[in-house]
Protein backbone atom coordinates (compact mmCIF):
# COMPACT_ATOMS: atom_id res chain seq x y z
CA MET A 1 120.73 96.56 122.78
CA SER A 2 120.28 96.03 119.09
CA ASP A 3 122.24 98.04 116.56
CA LYS A 4 119.58 97.68 113.85
CA LYS A 5 117.52 100.69 112.87
CA THR A 6 113.80 100.23 113.06
CA THR A 7 111.88 101.49 110.07
CA PRO A 8 108.25 102.42 110.54
CA THR A 9 105.41 100.36 109.20
CA ILE A 10 102.83 102.61 107.62
CA SER A 11 99.34 101.11 107.93
CA ASN A 12 96.04 101.92 106.24
CA LYS A 13 93.66 101.65 109.20
CA LYS A 14 90.74 103.09 107.28
CA ALA A 15 90.85 100.19 104.80
CA TYR A 16 89.89 97.69 107.50
CA HIS A 17 86.96 99.91 108.48
CA ASP A 18 85.66 100.48 104.94
CA TYR A 19 86.35 97.07 103.31
CA HIS A 20 86.13 93.33 103.88
CA ILE A 21 89.63 92.07 103.04
CA GLU A 22 89.27 88.75 101.22
CA GLU A 23 92.87 88.02 100.24
CA THR A 24 96.25 89.71 100.68
CA PHE A 25 99.36 89.80 98.53
CA GLU A 26 102.87 91.07 99.26
CA ALA A 27 104.31 93.13 96.41
CA GLY A 28 107.57 94.92 95.84
CA LEU A 29 107.40 98.65 95.25
CA VAL A 30 109.39 100.44 92.53
CA LEU A 31 110.64 103.71 94.03
CA GLN A 32 112.99 106.57 93.19
CA GLY A 33 115.86 107.49 95.52
CA THR A 34 114.24 110.29 97.48
CA GLU A 35 111.01 108.28 97.90
CA VAL A 36 112.90 105.62 99.83
CA LYS A 37 114.31 108.22 102.23
CA SER A 38 110.86 109.71 102.82
CA LEU A 39 109.33 106.26 103.44
CA ARG A 40 112.06 105.36 105.91
CA ALA A 41 111.15 108.56 107.76
CA GLY A 42 107.49 107.48 107.78
CA LYS A 43 106.25 110.32 105.56
CA ALA A 44 103.46 108.67 103.54
CA SER A 45 99.67 108.73 103.43
CA PHE A 46 97.18 106.20 102.08
CA THR A 47 94.27 108.63 101.64
CA ASP A 48 92.34 107.58 98.50
CA ALA A 49 95.11 105.17 97.40
CA PHE A 50 94.20 102.19 95.22
CA ALA A 51 95.85 99.69 92.89
CA PHE A 52 94.87 98.83 89.33
CA ILE A 53 96.01 96.47 86.58
CA ARG A 54 97.02 97.75 83.14
CA ASP A 55 98.65 95.68 80.39
CA GLY A 56 99.44 92.82 82.78
CA GLU A 57 101.18 95.09 85.30
CA VAL A 58 99.94 96.34 88.66
CA PHE A 59 100.23 100.01 89.60
CA LEU A 60 99.55 101.92 92.79
CA ARG A 61 97.89 105.30 92.38
CA GLU A 62 97.22 108.23 94.75
CA LEU A 63 99.73 107.05 97.37
CA TYR A 64 101.19 110.26 98.79
CA ILE A 65 104.89 110.14 99.65
CA LYS A 66 106.08 113.49 100.94
CA PRO A 67 109.00 114.98 98.97
CA TYR A 68 112.31 114.54 100.77
CA GLU A 69 113.28 117.76 102.55
CA GLN A 70 117.02 117.55 101.79
CA GLY A 71 116.42 116.56 98.16
CA SER A 72 117.10 119.15 95.48
CA TYR A 73 115.71 119.08 91.96
CA TYR A 74 115.96 115.26 92.11
CA ASN A 75 112.83 115.12 94.27
CA HIS A 76 109.93 113.01 93.09
CA ASP A 77 106.30 113.79 92.25
CA PRO A 78 104.40 113.01 95.49
CA ARG A 79 101.39 111.30 93.85
CA ARG A 80 102.92 109.63 90.79
CA PRO A 81 101.72 106.10 89.85
CA ARG A 82 104.11 103.48 91.25
CA LYS A 83 104.64 100.04 89.79
CA LEU A 84 104.14 96.98 92.00
CA LEU A 85 106.23 93.84 91.51
CA LEU A 86 104.24 90.60 91.57
CA ASN A 87 104.51 87.15 89.99
CA LYS A 88 102.50 86.42 86.86
CA LYS A 89 100.28 83.94 88.72
CA GLU A 90 99.55 86.50 91.42
CA ILE A 91 98.61 89.11 88.81
CA GLN A 92 96.28 86.62 87.08
CA SER A 93 94.69 85.81 90.43
CA LEU A 94 94.17 89.52 91.10
CA GLU A 95 92.61 90.03 87.66
CA LYS A 96 90.10 87.25 88.34
CA GLY A 97 89.28 88.75 91.73
CA ILE A 98 88.78 92.26 90.35
CA GLN A 99 86.43 91.03 87.63
CA GLN A 100 83.94 90.02 90.33
CA LYS A 101 81.49 92.79 91.04
CA GLY A 102 82.37 95.10 93.93
CA ASN A 103 86.02 94.04 94.38
CA THR A 104 88.96 96.41 94.34
CA LEU A 105 92.66 96.45 95.24
CA ILE A 106 93.56 98.45 98.33
CA PRO A 107 97.04 99.02 99.84
CA LEU A 108 97.03 97.92 103.48
CA LYS A 109 100.57 98.41 104.70
CA ILE A 110 104.01 99.63 103.57
CA TYR A 111 107.09 98.23 105.26
CA PHE A 112 110.72 97.34 104.60
CA LYS A 113 111.80 93.70 104.39
CA GLY A 114 115.43 92.86 103.78
CA GLY A 115 116.12 96.42 102.67
CA TYR A 116 113.35 96.41 100.05
CA ALA A 117 110.13 98.39 100.22
CA LYS A 118 107.09 96.09 100.28
CA VAL A 119 103.38 96.81 100.02
CA LEU A 120 100.69 94.54 101.40
CA ILE A 121 97.73 94.88 99.03
CA GLY A 122 94.34 93.38 99.68
CA LEU A 123 91.59 92.19 97.40
CA ALA A 124 88.70 93.95 99.09
CA ARG A 125 84.94 94.24 98.91
CA GLY A 126 83.29 97.43 100.17
CA LYS A 127 81.28 97.33 103.39
CA LYS A 128 77.75 98.61 103.68
CA GLN A 129 76.88 101.16 106.35
CA TYR A 130 75.33 98.54 108.65
CA ASP A 131 78.46 96.37 108.35
CA LYS A 132 80.55 99.32 109.53
CA ARG A 133 78.25 99.82 112.52
CA ASP A 134 78.50 96.13 113.40
CA SER A 135 82.30 96.18 113.28
CA ILE A 136 82.40 99.30 115.49
CA LYS A 137 80.04 97.62 117.96
CA GLU A 138 82.20 94.45 118.03
CA LYS A 139 85.33 96.53 118.64
CA ASP A 140 83.65 98.43 121.50
CA VAL A 141 82.44 95.19 123.13
CA LYS A 142 85.92 93.65 122.85
CA ARG A 143 87.50 96.78 124.35
CA GLN A 144 85.00 96.71 127.26
CA ILE A 145 85.67 93.01 127.93
CA ASP A 146 89.42 93.65 127.93
CA ARG A 147 88.95 96.50 130.41
CA ASN A 148 86.82 94.34 132.71
CA VAL A 149 89.28 91.44 132.60
CA LYS A 150 92.23 93.72 133.22
CA GLY A 151 90.46 95.41 136.13
CA SER A 152 89.41 92.17 137.84
CA PHE A 153 92.96 90.90 138.37
CA LYS A 154 94.34 93.63 140.60
CA VAL A 155 96.89 92.40 143.10
CA ASN A 156 97.43 94.26 146.36
CA LEU A 157 100.94 93.93 147.73
C-alpha cells in the first residue's frame, strides 16, 4: 500500500453544464495558512466563483473556503479575493480572450500538485438554454448506450 496521503480534487461540475470551455490554464493559488488546511480537507465551494484581471494580475473572487475549525483568530475570510499566479504571456492571452464578447474566466478545479495548490481556470463562453438541453440529451444517450453494452456481456459461470 502507498504511504502518500490523497488530497481531494474539488471540481466545478456546474461550469461544464453552463459554459462551453474554450481553453484552460493551470494557475497557482495564493493562500493563507488555514485556507490550505481547509482545502486539504475538501471544504470549498465554487458557487458563483469567477476570475477577473486587474492591473495585469488575475484574481479569483467568490470562491468559498470554509474557515478551519481548529484555527483561532488566525482564520481567514471565507470569500476574500485570492490572487492567481500565471505567466505574463498567459495573462495577456486571457486578456485577449476576455475582450471577446461573451467570454469569462471560470474556475474548473482545485487540486494539489507537488504540495502547491493549483486552480484550473477556463476561458468560457456561456451556453444558451437549447445548448444545455442538447448536452443533457447527449449525456442521457451515452449513459443508456453504456448500460446496454454493459448488460449485453453477461457471463454465466
